[in-house]
Amino acid sequence: MGVRRSHLLVNIWWTLWILSLLADRVSYLEYGDAADDIHAAVGQTLIHEAIHIAAAALAILVVLRLTRMQHEKALARAGVPVEA
């Protein structure tokens, strides 16, 4: 016969998972209508964060373009041919 392994880790995981489900339900009942407000606020936050990310990506592109333009101008002043 093989050595029987302890199920302690799995039992602790299941216990914590069930406790988290119960805690979630209790908090939902506790806050009721506030949960709907929180969901609406999270949705709005996701939208404005997506806009921030898009703006940051465009800012990176602007900086790269300006850097390239400055580099080309510096090379042109030095008499080095610039590739298009």
PDB file of N, CA and C in Angstrom:
ATOM      1  N   MET A   1       0.823  -1.183   0.000  1.00  0.00           N
ATOM      2  CA  MET A   1       0.000   0.000   0.000  1.00  0.00           C
ATOM      3  C   MET A   1       0.873   1.254   0.000  1.00  0.00           C
ATOM      4  N   GLY A   2       0.348   2.290  -0.651  1.00  0.00           N
ATOM      5  CA  GLY A   2       1.070   3.540  -0.693  1.00  0.00           C
ATOM      6  C   GLY A   2       0.852   4.355   0.570  1.00  0.00           C
ATOM      7  N   VAL A   3       1.677   5.350   0.713  1.00  0.00           N
ATOM      8  CA  VAL A   3       1.578   6.244   1.867  1.00  0.00           C
ATOM      9  C   VAL A   3       0.419   7.216   1.633  1.00  0.00           C
ATOM     10  N   ARG A   4      -0.434   7.318   2.601  1.00  0.00           N
ATOM     11  CA  ARG A   4      -1.571   8.224   2.483  1.00  0.00           C
ATOM     12  C   ARG A   4      -1.096   9.649   2.766  1.00  0.00           C
ATOM     13  N   ARG A   5      -1.452  10.541   1.871  1.00  0.00           N
ATOM     14  CA  ARG A   5      -1.046  11.936   2.027  1.00  0.00           C
ATOM     15  C   ARG A   5      -2.132  12.716   2.738  1.00  0.00           C
ATOM     16  N   SER A   6      -1.700  13.741   3.405  1.00  0.00           N
ATOM     17  CA  SER A   6      -2.631  14.584   4.146  1.00  0.00           C
ATOM     18  C   SER A   6      -3.459  15.435   3.183  1.00  0.00           C
ATOM     19  N   HIS A   7      -4.715  15.622   3.515  1.00  0.00           N
ATOM     20  CA  HIS A   7      -5.607  16.467   2.726  1.00  0.00           C
ATOM     21  C   HIS A   7      -5.793  17.831   3.392  1.00  0.00           C
ATOM     22  N   LEU A   8      -4.906  18.143   4.323  1.00  0.00           N
ATOM     23  CA  LEU A   8      -5.042  19.375   5.096  1.00  0.00           C
ATOM     24  C   LEU A   8      -5.067  20.611   4.198  1.00  0.00           C
ATOM     25  N   LEU A   9      -4.183  20.683   3.234  1.00  0.00           N
ATOM     26  CA  LEU A   9      -4.118  21.852   2.362  1.00  0.00           C
ATOM     27  C   LEU A   9      -5.413  22.022   1.572  1.00  0.00           C
ATOM     28  N   VAL A  10      -5.925  20.936   1.013  1.00  0.00           N
ATOM     29  CA  VAL A  10      -7.169  20.993   0.253  1.00  0.00           C
ATOM     30  C   VAL A  10      -8.336  21.349   1.162  1.00  0.00           C
ATOM     31  N   ASN A  11      -8.361  20.777   2.364  1.00  0.00           N
ATOM     32  CA  ASN A  11      -9.439  21.078   3.306  1.00  0.00           C
ATOM     33  C   ASN A  11      -9.416  22.542   3.730  1.00  0.00           C
ATOM     34  N   ILE A  12      -8.246  23.073   3.968  1.00  0.00           N
ATOM     35  CA  ILE A  12      -8.134  24.495   4.328  1.00  0.00           C
ATOM     36  C   ILE A  12      -8.593  25.355   3.165  1.00  0.00           C
ATOM     37  N   TRP A  13      -8.182  24.997   1.932  1.00  0.00           N
ATOM     38  CA  TRP A  13      -8.598  25.767   0.756  1.00  0.00           C
ATOM     39  C   TRP A  13     -10.112  25.769   0.628  1.00  0.00           C
ATOM     40  N   TRP A  14     -10.739  24.601   0.713  1.00  0.00           N
ATOM     41  CA  TRP A  14     -12.202  24.525   0.599  1.00  0.00           C
ATOM     42  C   TRP A  14     -12.877  25.346   1.686  1.00  0.00           C
ATOM     43  N   THR A  15     -12.374  25.251   2.906  1.00  0.00           N
ATOM     44  CA  THR A  15     -12.960  25.999   4.021  1.00  0.00           C
ATOM     45  C   THR A  15     -12.874  27.499   3.765  1.00  0.00           C
ATOM     46  N   LEU A  16     -11.711  27.965   3.348  1.00  0.00           N
ATOM     47  CA  LEU A  16     -11.546  29.394   3.075  1.00  0.00           C
ATOM     48  C   LEU A  16     -12.411  29.837   1.900  1.00  0.00           C
ATOM     49  N   TRP A  17     -12.540  28.993   0.885  1.00  0.00           N
ATOM     50  CA  TRP A  17     -13.353  29.351  -0.271  1.00  0.00           C
ATOM     51  C   TRP A  17     -14.818  29.486   0.126  1.00  0.00           C
ATOM     52  N   ILE A  18     -15.303  28.544   0.921  1.00  0.00           N
ATOM     53  CA  ILE A  18     -16.698  28.615   1.373  1.00  0.00           C
ATOM     54  C   ILE A  18     -16.901  29.817   2.284  1.00  0.00           C
ATOM     55  N   LEU A  19     -15.952  30.093   3.170  1.00  0.00           N
ATOM     56  CA  LEU A  19     -16.051  31.277   4.026  1.00  0.00           C
ATOM     57  C   LEU A  19     -16.061  32.562   3.197  1.00  0.00           C
ATOM     58  N   SER A  20     -15.273  32.586   2.120  1.00  0.00           N
ATOM     59  CA  SER A  20     -15.253  33.788   1.284  1.00  0.00           C
ATOM     60  C   SER A  20     -16.589  33.977   0.583  1.00  0.00           C
ATOM     61  N   LEU A  21     -17.232  32.877   0.152  1.00  0.00           N
ATOM     62  CA  LEU A  21     -18.556  32.974  -0.453  1.00  0.00           C
ATOM     63  C   LEU A  21     -19.585  33.496   0.549  1.00  0.00           C
ATOM     64  N   LEU A  22     -19.523  32.988   1.765  1.00  0.00           N
ATOM     65  CA  LEU A  22     -20.447  33.454   2.804  1.00  0.00           C
ATOM     66  C   LEU A  22     -20.205  34.923   3.136  1.00  0.00           C
ATOM     67  N   ALA A  23     -18.936  35.314   3.237  1.00  0.00           N
ATOM     68  CA  ALA A  23     -18.604  36.709   3.541  1.00  0.00           C
ATOM     69  C   ALA A  23     -19.072  37.630   2.421  1.00  0.00           C
ATOM     70  N   ASP A  24     -18.942  37.165   1.181  1.00  0.00           N
ATOM     71  CA  ASP A  24     -19.409  37.949   0.047  1.00  0.00           C
ATOM     72  C   ASP A  24     -20.919  38.147   0.124  1.00  0.00           C
ATOM     73  N   ARG A  25     -21.629  37.100   0.440  1.00  0.00           N
ATOM     74  CA  ARG A  25     -23.095  37.186   0.539  1.00  0.00           C
ATOM     75  C   ARG A  25     -23.511  38.124   1.672  1.00  0.00           C
ATOM     76  N   VAL A  26     -22.846  38.014   2.816  1.00  0.00           N
ATOM     77  CA  VAL A  26     -23.166  38.878   3.957  1.00  0.00           C
ATOM     78  C   VAL A  26     -22.905  40.339   3.608  1.00  0.00           C
ATOM     79  N   SER A  27     -21.786  40.603   2.962  1.00  0.00           N
ATOM     80  CA  SER A  27     -21.480  41.992   2.613  1.00  0.00           C
ATOM     81  C   SER A  27     -22.460  42.519   1.576  1.00  0.00           C
ATOM     82  N   TYR A  28     -22.888  41.676   0.657  1.00  0.00           N
ATOM     83  CA  TYR A  28     -23.873  42.103  -0.339  1.00  0.00           C
ATOM     84  C   TYR A  28     -25.188  42.459   0.346  1.00  0.00           C
ATOM     85  N   LEU A  29     -25.614  41.627   1.290  1.00  0.00           N
ATOM     86  CA  LEU A  29     -26.853  41.910   2.021  1.00  0.00           C
ATOM     87  C   LEU A  29     -26.705  43.150   2.895  1.00  0.00           C
ATOM     88  N   GLU A  30     -25.523  43.331   3.438  1.00  0.00           N
ATOM     89  CA  GLU A  30     -25.267  44.472   4.320  1.00  0.00           C
ATOM     90  C   GLU A  30     -25.352  45.792   3.561  1.00  0.00           C
ATOM     91  N   TYR A  31     -24.798  45.811   2.360  1.00  0.00           N
ATOM     92  CA  TYR A  31     -24.709  47.065   1.627  1.00  0.00           C
ATOM     93  C   TYR A  31     -25.815  47.248   0.592  1.00  0.00           C
ATOM     94  N   GLY A  32     -26.519  46.194   0.245  1.00  0.00           N
ATOM     95  CA  GLY A  32     -27.681  46.267  -0.620  1.00  0.00           C
ATOM     96  C   GLY A  32     -27.561  47.219  -1.782  1.00  0.00           C
ATOM     97  N   ASP A  33     -28.231  48.370  -1.697  1.00  0.00           N
ATOM     98  CA  ASP A  33     -28.253  49.353  -2.786  1.00  0.00           C
ATOM     99  C   ASP A  33     -26.885  49.950  -3.056  1.00  0.00           C
ATOM    100  N   ALA A  34     -26.055  50.015  -2.027  1.00  0.00           N
ATOM    101  CA  ALA A  34     -24.725  50.584  -2.227  1.00  0.00           C
ATOM    102  C   ALA A  34     -23.926  49.751  -3.226  1.00  0.00           C
ATOM    103  N   ALA A  35     -24.204  48.455  -3.275  1.00  0.00           N
ATOM    104  CA  ALA A  35     -23.498  47.595  -4.223  1.00  0.00           C
ATOM    105  C   ALA A  35     -23.769  48.035  -5.654  1.00  0.00           C
ATOM    106  N   ASP A  36     -25.004  48.438  -5.953  1.00  0.00           N
ATOM    107  CA  ASP A  36     -25.322  48.915  -7.295  1.00  0.00           C
ATOM    108  C   ASP A  36     -24.564  50.200  -7.609  1.00  0.00           C
ATOM    109  N   ASP A  37     -24.456  51.076  -6.611  1.00  0.00           N
ATOM    110  CA  ASP A  37     -23.703  52.316  -6.799  1.00  0.00           C
ATOM    111  C   ASP A  37     -22.223  52.023  -7.033  1.00  0.00           C
ATOM    112  N   ILE A  38     -21.718  51.052  -6.286  1.00  0.00           N
ATOM    113  CA  ILE A  38     -20.304  50.684  -6.443  1.00  0.00           C
ATOM    114  C   ILE A  38     -20.073  50.109  -7.835  1.00  0.00           C
ATOM    115  N   HIS A  39     -20.969  49.263  -8.312  1.00  0.00           N
ATOM    116  CA  HIS A  39     -20.828  48.687  -9.659  1.00  0.00           C
ATOM    117  C   HIS A  39     -20.852  49.784 -10.719  1.00  0.00           C
ATOM    118  N   ALA A  40     -21.719  50.769 -10.555  1.00  0.00           N
ATOM    119  CA  ALA A  40     -21.781  51.873 -11.518  1.00  0.00           C
ATOM    120  C   ALA A  40     -20.483  52.680 -11.482  1.00  0.00           C
ATOM    121  N   ALA A  41     -19.967  52.921 -10.282  1.00  0.00           N
ATOM    122  CA  ALA A  41     -18.726  53.688 -10.151  1.00  0.00           C
ATOM    123  C   ALA A  41     -17.556  52.934 -10.767  1.00  0.00           C
ATOM    124  N   VAL A  42     -17.521  51.622 -10.584  1.00  0.00           N
ATOM    125  CA  VAL A  42     -16.447  50.812 -11.160  1.00  0.00           C
ATOM    126  C   VAL A  42     -16.514  50.866 -12.681  1.00  0.00           C
ATOM    127  N   GLY A  43     -17.722  50.802 -13.231  1.00  0.00           N
ATOM    128  CA  GLY A  43     -17.874  50.893 -14.686  1.00  0.00           C
ATOM    129  C   GLY A  43     -17.363  52.214 -15.222  1.00  0.00           C
ATOM    130  N   GLN A  44     -17.689  53.301 -14.537  1.00  0.00           N
ATOM    131  CA  GLN A  44     -17.214  54.609 -14.966  1.00  0.00           C
ATOM    132  C   GLN A  44     -15.701  54.710 -14.828  1.00  0.00           C
ATOM    133  N   THR A  45     -15.171  54.138 -13.759  1.00  0.00           N
ATOM    134  CA  THR A  45     -13.714  54.156 -13.552  1.00  0.00           C
ATOM    135  C   THR A  45     -13.008  53.390 -14.657  1.00  0.00           C
ATOM    136  N   LEU A  46     -13.559  52.248 -15.055  1.00  0.00           N
ATOM    137  CA  LEU A  46     -12.944  51.478 -16.140  1.00  0.00           C
ATOM    138  C   LEU A  46     -12.905  52.281 -17.432  1.00  0.00           C
ATOM    139  N   ILE A  47     -13.966  53.016 -17.705  1.00  0.00           N
ATOM    140  CA  ILE A  47     -14.008  53.823 -18.929  1.00  0.00           C
ATOM    141  C   ILE A  47     -12.949  54.912 -18.886  1.00  0.00           C
ATOM    142  N   HIS A  48     -12.873  55.645 -17.780  1.00  0.00           N
ATOM    143  CA  HIS A  48     -11.886  56.733 -17.783  1.00  0.00           C
ATOM    144  C   HIS A  48     -10.462  56.212 -17.696  1.00  0.00           C
ATOM    145  N   GLU A  49     -10.251  55.049 -17.084  1.00  0.00           N
ATOM    146  CA  GLU A  49      -8.905  54.469 -17.082  1.00  0.00           C
ATOM    147  C   GLU A  49      -8.517  54.006 -18.489  1.00  0.00           C
ATOM    148  N   ALA A  50      -9.457  53.481 -19.251  1.00  0.00           N
ATOM    149  CA  ALA A  50      -9.176  53.094 -20.638  1.00  0.00           C
ATOM    150  C   ALA A  50      -8.786  54.318 -21.460  1.00  0.00           C
ATOM    151  N   ILE A  51      -9.463  55.441 -21.206  1.00  0.00           N
ATOM    152  CA  ILE A  51      -9.108  56.680 -21.903  1.00  0.00           C
ATOM    153  C   ILE A  51      -7.713  57.140 -21.501  1.00  0.00           C
ATOM    154  N   HIS A  52      -7.382  57.019 -20.212  1.00  0.00           N
ATOM    155  CA  HIS A  52      -6.022  57.372 -19.762  1.00  0.00           C
ATOM    156  C   HIS A  52      -4.968  56.503 -20.448  1.00  0.00           C
ATOM    157  N   ILE A  53      -5.245  55.224 -20.573  1.00  0.00           N
ATOM    158  CA  ILE A  53      -4.291  54.321 -21.215  1.00  0.00           C
ATOM    159  C   ILE A  53      -4.101  54.703 -22.681  1.00  0.00           C
ATOM    160  N   ALA A  54      -5.198  55.014 -23.365  1.00  0.00           N
ATOM    161  CA  ALA A  54      -5.102  55.431 -24.766  1.00  0.00           C
ATOM    162  C   ALA A  54      -4.302  56.732 -24.880  1.00  0.00           C
ATOM    163  N   ALA A  55      -4.551  57.677 -23.987  1.00  0.00           N
ATOM    164  CA  ALA A  55      -3.802  58.943 -24.003  1.00  0.00           C
ATOM    165  C   ALA A  55      -2.320  58.708 -23.740  1.00  0.00           C
ATOM    166  N   ALA A  56      -2.006  57.801 -22.828  1.00  0.00           N
ATOM    167  CA  ALA A  56      -0.606  57.490 -22.536  1.00  0.00           C
ATOM    168  C   ALA A  56       0.076  56.863 -23.744  1.00  0.00           C
ATOM    169  N   ALA A  57      -0.628  55.967 -24.436  1.00  0.00           N
ATOM    170  CA  ALA A  57      -0.060  55.336 -25.628  1.00  0.00           C
ATOM    171  C   ALA A  57       0.216  56.384 -26.701  1.00  0.00           C
ATOM    172  N   LEU A  58      -0.719  57.314 -26.886  1.00  0.00           N
ATOM    173  CA  LEU A  58      -0.503  58.378 -27.871  1.00  0.00           C
ATOM    174  C   LEU A  58       0.631  59.297 -27.450  1.00  0.00           C
ATOM    175  N   ALA A  59       0.766  59.564 -26.155  1.00  0.00           N
ATOM    176  CA  ALA A  59       1.875  60.383 -25.668  1.00  0.00           C
ATOM    177  C   ALA A  59       3.209  59.725 -25.978  1.00  0.00           C
ATOM    178  N   ILE A  60       3.274  58.412 -25.830  1.00  0.00           N
ATOM    179  CA  ILE A  60       4.497  57.679 -26.167  1.00  0.00           C
ATOM    180  C   ILE A  60       4.813  57.850 -27.650  1.00  0.00           C
ATOM    181  N   LEU A  61       3.794  57.723 -28.502  1.00  0.00           N
ATOM    182  CA  LEU A  61       4.011  57.886 -29.942  1.00  0.00           C
ATOM    183  C   LEU A  61       4.480  59.296 -30.285  1.00  0.00           C
ATOM    184  N   VAL A  62       3.914  60.306 -29.615  1.00  0.00           N
ATOM    185  CA  VAL A  62       4.330  61.696 -29.857  1.00  0.00           C
ATOM    186  C   VAL A  62       5.796  61.877 -29.466  1.00  0.00           C
ATOM    187  N   VAL A  63       6.173  61.363 -28.310  1.00  0.00           N
ATOM    188  CA  VAL A  63       7.565  61.488 -27.863  1.00  0.00           C
ATOM    189  C   VAL A  63       8.502  60.779 -28.826  1.00  0.00           C
ATOM    190  N   LEU A  64       8.127  59.598 -29.298  1.00  0.00           N
ATOM    191  CA  LEU A  64       8.974  58.886 -30.255  1.00  0.00           C
ATOM    192  C   LEU A  64       9.117  59.659 -31.560  1.00  0.00           C
ATOM    193  N   ARG A  65       8.019  60.237 -32.035  1.00  0.00           N
ATOM    194  CA  ARG A  65       8.059  61.010 -33.272  1.00  0.00           C
ATOM    195  C   ARG A  65       8.936  62.258 -33.105  1.00  0.00           C
ATOM    196  N   LEU A  66       8.765  62.970 -31.993  1.00  0.00           N
ATOM    197  CA  LEU A  66       9.586  64.171 -31.752  1.00  0.00           C
ATOM    198  C   LEU A  66      11.058  63.811 -31.639  1.00  0.00           C
ATOM    199  N   THR A  67      11.346  62.714 -30.963  1.00  0.00           N
ATOM    200  CA  THR A  67      12.738  62.271 -30.822  1.00  0.00           C
ATOM    201  C   THR A  67      13.333  61.951 -32.187  1.00  0.00           C
ATOM    202  N   ARG A  68      12.561  61.261 -33.036  1.00  0.00           N
ATOM    203  CA  ARG A  68      13.038  60.929 -34.377  1.00  0.00           C
ATOM    204  C   ARG A  68      13.275  62.200 -35.195  1.00  0.00           C
ATOM    205  N   MET A  69      12.347  63.156 -35.094  1.00  0.00           N
ATOM    206  CA  MET A  69      12.497  64.406 -35.839  1.00  0.00           C
ATOM    207  C   MET A  69      13.735  65.175 -35.381  1.00  0.00           C
ATOM    208  N   GLN A  70      13.973  65.218 -34.059  1.00  0.00           N
ATOM    209  CA  GLN A  70      15.159  65.908 -33.544  1.00  0.00           C
ATOM    210  C   GLN A  70      16.433  65.206 -33.996  1.00  0.00           C
ATOM    211  N   HIS A  71      16.388  63.886 -33.988  1.00  0.00           N
ATOM    212  CA  HIS A  71      17.562  63.118 -34.416  1.00  0.00           C
ATOM    213  C   HIS A  71      17.865  63.390 -35.895  1.00  0.00           C
ATOM    214  N   GLU A  72      16.822  63.391 -36.731  1.00  0.00           N
ATOM    215  CA  GLU A  72      17.011  63.667 -38.158  1.00  0.00           C
ATOM    216  C   GLU A  72      17.534  65.074 -38.386  1.00  0.00           C
ATOM    217  N   LYS A  73      17.044  66.031 -37.610  1.00  0.00           N
ATOM    218  CA  LYS A  73      17.509  67.412 -37.754  1.00  0.00           C
ATOM    219  C   LYS A  73      18.976  67.526 -37.350  1.00  0.00           C
ATOM    220  N   ALA A  74      19.349  66.846 -36.269  1.00  0.00           N
ATOM    221  CA  ALA A  74      20.738  66.870 -35.837  1.00  0.00           C
ATOM    222  C   ALA A  74      21.653  66.229 -36.874  1.00  0.00           C
ATOM    223  N   LEU A  75      21.206  65.124 -37.476  1.00  0.00           N
ATOM    224  CA  LEU A  75      22.007  64.484 -38.512  1.00  0.00           C
ATOM    225  C   LEU A  75      22.107  65.390 -39.745  1.00  0.00           C
ATOM    226  N   ALA A  76      21.030  66.084 -40.104  1.00  0.00           N
ATOM    227  CA  ALA A  76      21.058  66.966 -41.267  1.00  0.00           C
ATOM    228  C   ALA A  76      22.040  68.116 -41.045  1.00  0.00           C
ATOM    229  N   ARG A  77      22.083  68.660 -39.847  1.00  0.00           N
ATOM    230  CA  ARG A  77      23.027  69.742 -39.543  1.00  0.00           C
ATOM    231  C   ARG A  77      24.469  69.257 -39.595  1.00  0.00           C
ATOM    232  N   ALA A  78      24.661  67.979 -39.260  1.00  0.00           N
ATOM    233  CA  ALA A  78      26.006  67.417 -39.267  1.00  0.00           C
ATOM    234  C   ALA A  78      26.419  66.974 -40.674  1.00  0.00           C
ATOM    235  N   GLY A  79      25.502  67.081 -41.621  1.00  0.00           N
ATOM    236  CA  GLY A  79      25.810  66.706 -42.999  1.00  0.00           C
ATOM    237  C   GLY A  79      25.681  65.227 -43.275  1.00  0.00           C
ATOM    238  N   VAL A  80      25.052  64.492 -42.370  1.00  0.00           N
ATOM    239  CA  VAL A  80      24.844  63.064 -42.571  1.00  0.00           C
ATOM    240  C   VAL A  80      23.527  62.881 -43.311  1.00  0.00           C
ATOM    241  N   PRO A  81      23.535  62.087 -44.401  1.00  0.00           N
ATOM    242  CA  PRO A  81      22.283  61.868 -45.132  1.00  0.00           C
ATOM    243  C   PRO A  81      21.255  61.120 -44.269  1.00  0.00           C
ATOM    244  N   VAL A  82      20.011  61.579 -44.354  1.00  0.00           N
ATOM    245  CA  VAL A  82      18.936  60.977 -43.563  1.00  0.00           C
ATOM    246  C   VAL A  82      18.114  60.072 -44.473  1.00  0.00           C
ATOM    247  N   GLU A  83      17.913  58.822 -44.017  1.00  0.00           N
ATOM    248  CA  GLU A  83      17.092  57.890 -44.782  1.00  0.00           C
ATOM    249  C   GLU A  83      15.622  58.141 -44.485  1.00  0.00           C
ATOM    250  N   ALA A  84      14.793  58.033 -45.502  1.00  0.00           N
ATOM    251  CA  ALA A  84      13.354  58.258 -45.291  1.00  0.00           C
ATOM    252  C   ALA A  84      12.645  57.019 -44.906  1.00  0.00           C
TER     253      ALA A  84
END
